[in-house]
Amino acid sequence: MTQTNSRPRVKEDGISEQDKLQLFALFPVASIETFREQCIILIEKSNGKDATKLRFKDELNRLQSKTIMMQKVTNYFLAGEGKGV
């Protein structure tokens, strides 16, 4: 089912803009494991559904590329803002 309007599904997410900026700053300098841990921490901090969080965390745990991890977590952020990705 698609979203019928453009309003965000999550009105007040647990992930702040500062959290996102810190993750983006960490990307070029962190090891893959440290970056993975931070991505998972942010997903846990969000107000998303548990099933969605689990799916994204499982995907992150299988990835071996920080670039793809960044893409997945960015898509998670955008989906939380109602910008279905």
Protein backbone atom coordinates (compact mmCIF):
# COMPACT_ATOMS: atom_id res chain seq x y z
CA MET A 1 0.00 0.00 0.00
CA THR A 2 1.29 3.47 -0.79
CA GLN A 3 1.00 6.55 1.35
CA THR A 4 -2.06 8.62 0.41
CA ASN A 5 -0.65 12.00 1.39
CA SER A 6 2.72 13.69 1.67
CA ARG A 7 2.66 14.22 5.43
CA PRO A 8 5.41 12.40 7.34
CA ARG A 9 4.28 9.20 9.04
CA VAL A 10 6.45 9.96 12.06
CA LYS A 11 5.70 13.41 13.43
CA GLU A 12 8.51 13.54 15.99
CA ASP A 13 11.31 11.13 15.29
CA GLY A 14 13.95 10.28 17.87
CA ILE A 15 16.75 11.07 15.41
CA SER A 16 17.81 14.71 15.51
CA GLU A 17 19.51 16.66 12.75
CA GLN A 18 22.60 16.72 14.98
CA ASP A 19 22.56 12.90 15.13
CA LYS A 20 22.46 12.75 11.34
CA LEU A 21 25.28 15.29 10.96
CA GLN A 22 27.45 13.33 13.40
CA LEU A 23 26.87 10.15 11.40
CA PHE A 24 27.77 11.89 8.14
CA ALA A 25 30.95 13.28 9.76
CA LEU A 26 31.86 9.81 11.03
CA PHE A 27 31.51 8.20 7.59
CA PRO A 28 34.96 9.06 6.16
CA VAL A 29 36.96 8.34 9.34
CA ALA A 30 35.31 5.41 11.13
CA SER A 31 36.07 1.74 10.66
CA ILE A 32 33.33 -0.27 9.02
CA GLU A 33 32.37 -1.86 12.37
CA THR A 34 32.23 1.47 14.22
CA PHE A 35 30.13 2.97 11.44
CA ARG A 36 27.79 -0.05 11.45
CA GLU A 37 27.34 0.28 15.24
CA GLN A 38 26.48 3.99 14.94
CA CYS A 39 23.96 3.32 12.16
CA ILE A 40 22.27 0.67 14.28
CA ILE A 41 22.22 2.97 17.33
CA LEU A 42 20.44 5.65 15.30
CA ILE A 43 17.92 3.18 13.92
CA GLU A 44 17.20 1.97 17.46
CA LYS A 45 16.79 5.59 18.57
CA SER A 46 14.16 6.26 15.92
CA ASN A 47 10.42 6.01 16.39
CA GLY A 48 9.99 3.54 13.53
CA LYS A 49 8.15 0.25 13.80
CA ASP A 50 10.09 -2.60 15.40
CA ALA A 51 9.71 -4.81 12.31
CA THR A 52 11.17 -2.07 10.09
CA LYS A 53 14.03 -1.43 12.50
CA LEU A 54 14.84 -5.14 12.59
CA ARG A 55 14.84 -5.41 8.79
CA PHE A 56 17.22 -2.46 8.41
CA LYS A 57 19.51 -3.69 11.20
CA ASP A 58 19.67 -7.14 9.58
CA GLU A 59 20.59 -5.55 6.25
CA LEU A 60 23.30 -3.43 7.89
CA ASN A 61 24.79 -6.46 9.62
CA ARG A 62 25.23 -8.24 6.28
CA LEU A 63 26.84 -5.32 4.44
CA GLN A 64 30.59 -4.95 3.97
CA SER A 65 30.53 -1.45 2.47
CA LYS A 66 30.19 1.81 4.41
CA THR A 67 28.87 3.48 1.26
CA ILE A 68 25.96 1.05 0.99
CA MET A 69 25.36 1.33 4.75
CA MET A 70 25.12 5.10 4.36
CA GLN A 71 22.66 4.66 1.51
CA LYS A 72 20.48 2.29 3.57
CA VAL A 73 20.44 4.48 6.67
CA THR A 74 19.75 7.62 4.59
CA ASN A 75 16.81 5.84 2.97
CA TYR A 76 15.59 4.93 6.46
CA PHE A 77 15.78 8.60 7.50
CA LEU A 78 13.94 9.75 4.37
CA ALA A 79 11.22 7.14 4.77
CA GLY A 80 10.70 8.36 8.34
CA GLU A 81 10.16 11.85 6.96
CA GLY A 82 7.44 10.57 4.62
CA LYS A 83 9.63 10.75 1.53
CA GLY A 84 9.06 7.09 0.67
CA VAL A 85 12.28 5.70 -0.73
